[in-house]
Amino acid sequence: MPARLNITVAEESMHIPASIQESIDSYWTSLEESGHSFYRGDIFSIKEMKETGDELSVVLERTDFAHFIYCKHCGLPDRYKCRVAAVNGLILTADNQFVMGEMNGQTANPGYVQFVAGGIDRRDIRGNKVDVRGSLFREMEEEIGIDGNDTSLVLQVEPRYIVYWGNISLVYVIMLKERAAEFQERYRRFERSLCERDLTPEFASMVYVPADEQSVSDFLELDGRPKWPFLRLVLEEELKDREW
């Protein structure tokens, strides 16, 4: 990941032609009628991007989730695609297990195994600047119930990778002081607390993979669940870069 990130939000929202907007609105109505409970909130799409030396500068523009899901399912010309910047957290426990999650059936990516992750939210914006680390900590709190500032639990949060795949994904490694069994019990309590408030956990289940070459290879090759597009790349790169 570049040493310096400068992510800002443009004043004006993304321009979408009326004919495309009609198709987006119509598709959104069909999703609602079929029983999906997606929230049509703000999404921030990449308008401009420039990398110079050790700095990455990105300008985002506001659109909404209906545009994002239409683009994902139906496609759009490049000029009008919704390209997001997202933060991702790969969890590593004290006993060297990678922790990921299988997305629940009500999300935009049901069944996929992926990291703790999410797009930029308006709550992450200070003035016109995006608090990237704050965005990651918000996702951690919402998805796994961990406060990224809790030094009794979190050993280190390390920026590691940036993945360009039409979208931009910033990947951090979240090193915990807890062992996998302790994290598992903590997550069960968090899951119960969500259910008591009639909230659906983002993850249908947590996925634990020992951080060694054979275990990661077995998971990637033998586990039949779909994997997020760059999950393999990140896990394999972590194994190369670290001495366990």
Protein backbone atom coordinates (compact mmCIF):
# COMPACT_ATOMS: atom_id res chain seq x y z
CA MET A 1 0.00 0.00 0.00
CA PRO A 2 1.34 3.50 -0.76
CA ALA A 3 2.76 5.36 2.22
CA ARG A 4 0.30 8.21 1.76
CA LEU A 5 -3.38 8.00 0.86
CA ASN A 6 -5.36 11.07 -0.08
CA ILE A 7 -8.99 10.15 -0.71
CA THR A 8 -11.49 12.99 -1.09
CA VAL A 9 -15.11 13.40 -2.16
CA ALA A 10 -16.18 15.79 -4.95
CA GLU A 11 -18.88 18.34 -4.21
CA GLU A 12 -21.14 17.24 -7.07
CA SER A 13 -22.80 13.84 -7.33
CA MET A 14 -22.13 11.52 -10.26
CA HIS A 15 -24.05 12.42 -13.42
CA ILE A 16 -26.12 9.56 -14.81
CA PRO A 17 -28.19 10.03 -18.02
CA ALA A 18 -31.95 9.89 -17.56
CA SER A 19 -32.34 6.74 -19.67
CA ILE A 20 -29.82 4.83 -17.52
CA GLN A 21 -31.35 6.20 -14.32
CA GLU A 22 -34.76 4.90 -15.40
CA SER A 23 -33.29 1.42 -15.89
CA ILE A 24 -31.61 1.60 -12.48
CA ASP A 25 -34.85 2.67 -10.78
CA SER A 26 -36.83 -0.04 -12.53
CA TYR A 27 -34.33 -2.73 -11.55
CA TRP A 28 -34.35 -1.52 -7.95
CA THR A 29 -38.15 -1.79 -7.86
CA SER A 30 -37.92 -5.36 -9.16
CA LEU A 31 -35.46 -6.25 -6.39
CA GLU A 32 -37.78 -4.85 -3.75
CA GLU A 33 -40.75 -6.72 -5.20
CA SER A 34 -38.78 -9.98 -5.17
CA GLY A 35 -38.18 -9.64 -1.42
CA HIS A 36 -34.68 -8.17 -1.20
CA SER A 37 -34.20 -5.80 1.72
CA PHE A 38 -31.22 -3.81 0.45
CA TYR A 39 -30.84 -0.25 1.70
CA ARG A 40 -30.60 2.43 -1.00
CA GLY A 41 -27.90 4.44 0.74
CA ASP A 42 -25.01 6.51 -0.55
CA ILE A 43 -22.19 4.87 -2.48
CA PHE A 44 -19.00 6.68 -3.49
CA SER A 45 -17.69 5.87 -6.96
CA ILE A 46 -14.17 6.57 -8.22
CA LYS A 47 -14.06 9.68 -10.39
CA GLU A 48 -10.30 10.25 -10.64
CA MET A 49 -7.22 8.35 -9.49
CA LYS A 50 -3.54 9.23 -9.63
CA GLU A 51 -0.53 7.48 -8.13
CA THR A 52 2.70 9.46 -7.84
CA GLY A 53 5.71 8.01 -6.07
CA ASP A 54 4.54 6.92 -2.64
CA GLU A 55 1.19 8.74 -2.75
CA LEU A 56 -2.18 7.62 -4.08
CA SER A 57 -4.79 10.33 -4.68
CA VAL A 58 -8.40 9.34 -5.32
CA VAL A 59 -11.44 11.56 -5.90
CA LEU A 60 -14.83 9.97 -5.25
CA GLU A 61 -18.28 11.13 -6.30
CA ARG A 62 -21.60 10.31 -4.68
CA THR A 63 -24.10 7.89 -6.20
CA ASP A 64 -26.29 5.24 -4.51
CA PHE A 65 -26.59 1.51 -3.87
CA ALA A 66 -29.21 1.08 -6.62
CA HIS A 67 -26.61 2.25 -9.15
CA PHE A 68 -24.00 -0.09 -7.62
CA ILE A 69 -26.19 -3.20 -7.68
CA TYR A 70 -27.48 -2.49 -11.19
CA CYS A 71 -23.92 -2.13 -12.45
CA LYS A 72 -22.91 -5.36 -10.69
CA HIS A 73 -25.79 -7.43 -12.07
CA CYS A 74 -26.57 -5.80 -15.42
CA GLY A 75 -23.44 -3.95 -16.48
CA LEU A 76 -22.99 -0.39 -17.73
CA PRO A 77 -20.72 1.43 -20.19
CA ASP A 78 -17.35 2.23 -18.60
CA ARG A 79 -18.18 5.93 -18.31
CA TYR A 80 -21.14 5.21 -16.01
CA LYS A 81 -19.89 2.22 -14.03
CA CYS A 82 -19.93 2.38 -10.27
CA ARG A 83 -16.34 1.74 -9.16
CA VAL A 84 -15.89 1.74 -5.42
CA ALA A 85 -13.00 2.18 -3.02
CA ALA A 86 -13.26 -0.36 -0.19
CA VAL A 87 -11.33 -1.19 2.96
CA ASN A 88 -10.59 -4.81 3.86
CA GLY A 89 -9.27 -6.39 7.05
CA LEU A 90 -7.61 -9.80 7.11
CA ILE A 91 -7.70 -11.00 10.72
CA LEU A 92 -4.77 -12.93 12.15
CA THR A 93 -5.16 -14.50 15.60
CA ALA A 94 -2.43 -14.88 18.21
CA ASP A 95 -2.07 -18.57 17.32
CA ASN A 96 -1.61 -17.78 13.60
CA GLN A 97 -5.01 -18.44 12.10
CA PHE A 98 -6.48 -16.32 9.34
CA VAL A 99 -10.12 -15.41 10.00
CA MET A 100 -12.57 -14.53 7.23
CA GLY A 101 -16.34 -14.68 6.91
CA GLU A 102 -18.96 -16.28 4.66
CA MET A 103 -21.48 -13.62 3.63
CA ASN A 104 -25.11 -14.21 4.56
CA GLY A 105 -27.87 -14.71 2.01
CA GLN A 106 -29.28 -11.18 2.31
CA THR A 107 -26.07 -9.40 1.30
CA ALA A 108 -25.00 -8.35 -2.19
CA ASN A 109 -22.50 -11.26 -2.26
CA PRO A 110 -24.31 -14.23 -0.68
CA GLY A 111 -22.15 -17.24 0.12
CA TYR A 112 -18.83 -15.61 -0.73
CA VAL A 113 -15.90 -15.98 1.64
CA GLN A 114 -14.23 -12.61 2.10
CA PHE A 115 -12.40 -10.40 4.56
CA VAL A 116 -14.04 -7.94 6.92
CA ALA A 117 -14.78 -5.27 4.34
CA GLY A 118 -16.96 -2.45 3.16
CA GLY A 119 -17.13 0.59 0.93
CA ILE A 120 -16.64 4.17 2.01
CA ASP A 121 -19.63 5.45 3.99
CA ARG A 122 -20.70 9.06 4.51
CA ARG A 123 -19.87 8.56 8.21
CA ASP A 124 -16.22 8.14 7.16
CA ILE A 125 -16.03 11.61 5.58
CA ARG A 126 -14.55 14.55 7.48
CA GLY A 127 -15.14 17.72 5.46
CA ASN A 128 -14.30 16.36 2.02
CA LYS A 129 -11.61 13.90 3.19
CA VAL A 130 -12.12 10.19 3.81
CA ASP A 131 -10.91 8.70 7.11
CA VAL A 132 -9.76 5.35 5.69
CA ARG A 133 -8.62 3.85 8.98
CA GLY A 134 -11.86 5.02 10.59
CA SER A 135 -13.78 3.26 7.81
CA LEU A 136 -11.94 0.01 8.55
CA PHE A 137 -12.62 0.32 12.29
CA ARG A 138 -16.31 0.97 11.61
CA GLU A 139 -16.53 -2.20 9.50
CA MET A 140 -14.77 -4.19 12.24
CA GLU A 141 -17.26 -2.96 14.82
CA GLU A 142 -20.29 -3.64 12.60
CA GLU A 143 -19.25 -7.05 11.24
CA ILE A 144 -17.33 -8.75 14.06
CA GLY A 145 -17.93 -6.55 17.11
CA ILE A 146 -14.30 -5.53 17.65
CA ASP A 147 -13.17 -2.01 18.53
CA GLY A 148 -10.04 -1.35 16.48
CA ASN A 149 -8.81 1.04 19.19
CA ASP A 150 -9.01 -1.61 21.94
CA THR A 151 -5.33 -2.26 22.67
CA SER A 152 -6.21 -5.06 25.08
CA LEU A 153 -7.50 -7.04 22.10
CA VAL A 154 -5.86 -5.59 18.97
CA LEU A 155 -2.08 -5.94 18.78
CA GLN A 156 -1.56 -4.12 15.49
CA VAL A 157 -3.42 -2.88 12.40
CA GLU A 158 -0.98 -2.85 9.51
CA PRO A 159 -1.63 -1.41 6.01
CA ARG A 160 -0.45 -4.07 3.58
CA TYR A 161 -1.86 -4.10 0.04
CA ILE A 162 -3.75 -2.14 -2.55
CA VAL A 163 -5.61 -4.16 -5.19
CA TYR A 164 -6.68 -2.56 -8.47
CA TRP A 165 -9.50 -4.53 -10.12
CA GLY A 166 -11.71 -1.86 -11.64
CA ASN A 167 -12.47 -1.02 -8.03
CA ILE A 168 -9.81 -0.20 -5.43
CA SER A 169 -9.39 -2.36 -2.34
CA LEU A 170 -7.13 -1.31 0.53
CA VAL A 171 -6.14 -4.36 2.57
CA TYR A 172 -5.00 -4.21 6.19
CA VAL A 173 -3.85 -7.07 8.42
CA ILE A 174 -5.51 -6.97 11.85
CA MET A 175 -3.34 -8.84 14.38
CA LEU A 176 -5.20 -9.88 17.52
CA LYS A 177 -3.96 -10.77 20.97
CA GLU A 178 -6.63 -13.49 21.19
CA ARG A 179 -6.26 -17.06 20.01
CA ALA A 180 -8.75 -18.44 17.46
CA ALA A 181 -10.87 -20.21 20.11
CA GLU A 182 -11.12 -17.01 22.16
CA PHE A 183 -12.10 -14.98 19.11
CA GLN A 184 -14.69 -17.62 18.17
CA GLU A 185 -16.34 -17.35 21.59
CA ARG A 186 -16.25 -13.54 21.42
CA TYR A 187 -17.89 -13.63 17.99
CA ARG A 188 -20.62 -15.99 19.23
CA ARG A 189 -21.50 -13.46 21.95
CA PHE A 190 -21.52 -10.65 19.39
CA GLU A 191 -23.77 -12.71 17.09
CA ARG A 192 -26.22 -13.37 19.92
CA SER A 193 -26.32 -9.66 20.79
CA LEU A 194 -27.27 -8.84 17.19
CA CYS A 195 -30.03 -11.44 17.14
CA GLU A 196 -31.41 -10.11 20.43
CA ARG A 197 -31.81 -6.73 18.69
CA ASP A 198 -33.44 -8.36 15.63
CA LEU A 199 -30.36 -7.60 13.52
CA THR A 200 -28.94 -10.05 10.98
CA PRO A 201 -25.19 -10.71 11.18
CA GLU A 202 -23.28 -9.82 8.01
CA PHE A 203 -21.59 -13.22 8.08
CA ALA A 204 -23.44 -16.52 8.01
CA SER A 205 -20.34 -18.13 9.53
CA MET A 206 -16.72 -17.40 10.31
CA VAL A 207 -13.94 -19.20 8.44
CA TYR A 208 -10.70 -20.18 10.19
CA VAL A 209 -7.62 -21.20 8.21
CA PRO A 210 -4.20 -21.92 9.79
CA ALA A 211 -1.64 -19.50 8.38
CA ASP A 212 0.62 -22.04 6.76
CA GLU A 213 1.16 -22.95 3.12
CA GLN A 214 -0.53 -26.37 3.16
CA SER A 215 -3.63 -25.22 5.06
CA VAL A 216 -4.12 -22.18 2.85
CA SER A 217 -3.64 -24.30 -0.28
CA ASP A 218 -6.19 -26.86 0.94
CA PHE A 219 -8.68 -24.10 1.74
CA LEU A 220 -8.31 -22.46 -1.67
CA GLU A 221 -8.46 -25.71 -3.64
CA LEU A 222 -10.84 -27.89 -1.62
CA ASP A 223 -13.31 -25.51 0.01
CA GLY A 224 -16.14 -25.25 -2.51
CA ARG A 225 -17.52 -21.87 -1.45
CA PRO A 226 -16.93 -18.95 -3.83
CA LYS A 227 -14.02 -16.70 -2.81
CA TRP A 228 -13.75 -12.94 -3.18
CA PRO A 229 -11.73 -12.18 -6.36
CA PHE A 230 -8.44 -11.18 -4.72
CA LEU A 231 -8.67 -13.37 -1.60
CA ARG A 232 -6.26 -15.96 -3.01
CA LEU A 233 -3.75 -13.29 -4.02
CA VAL A 234 -3.70 -11.68 -0.56
CA LEU A 235 -3.44 -14.95 1.39
CA GLU A 236 -0.62 -16.26 -0.79
CA GLU A 237 1.22 -12.95 -0.61
CA GLU A 238 0.96 -12.92 3.18
CA LEU A 239 2.51 -16.37 3.36
CA LYS A 240 5.40 -15.24 1.16
CA ASP A 241 6.06 -12.04 3.07
CA ARG A 242 5.93 -13.34 6.65
CA GLU A 243 7.99 -15.79 8.64
CA TRP A 244 5.73 -17.82 10.88
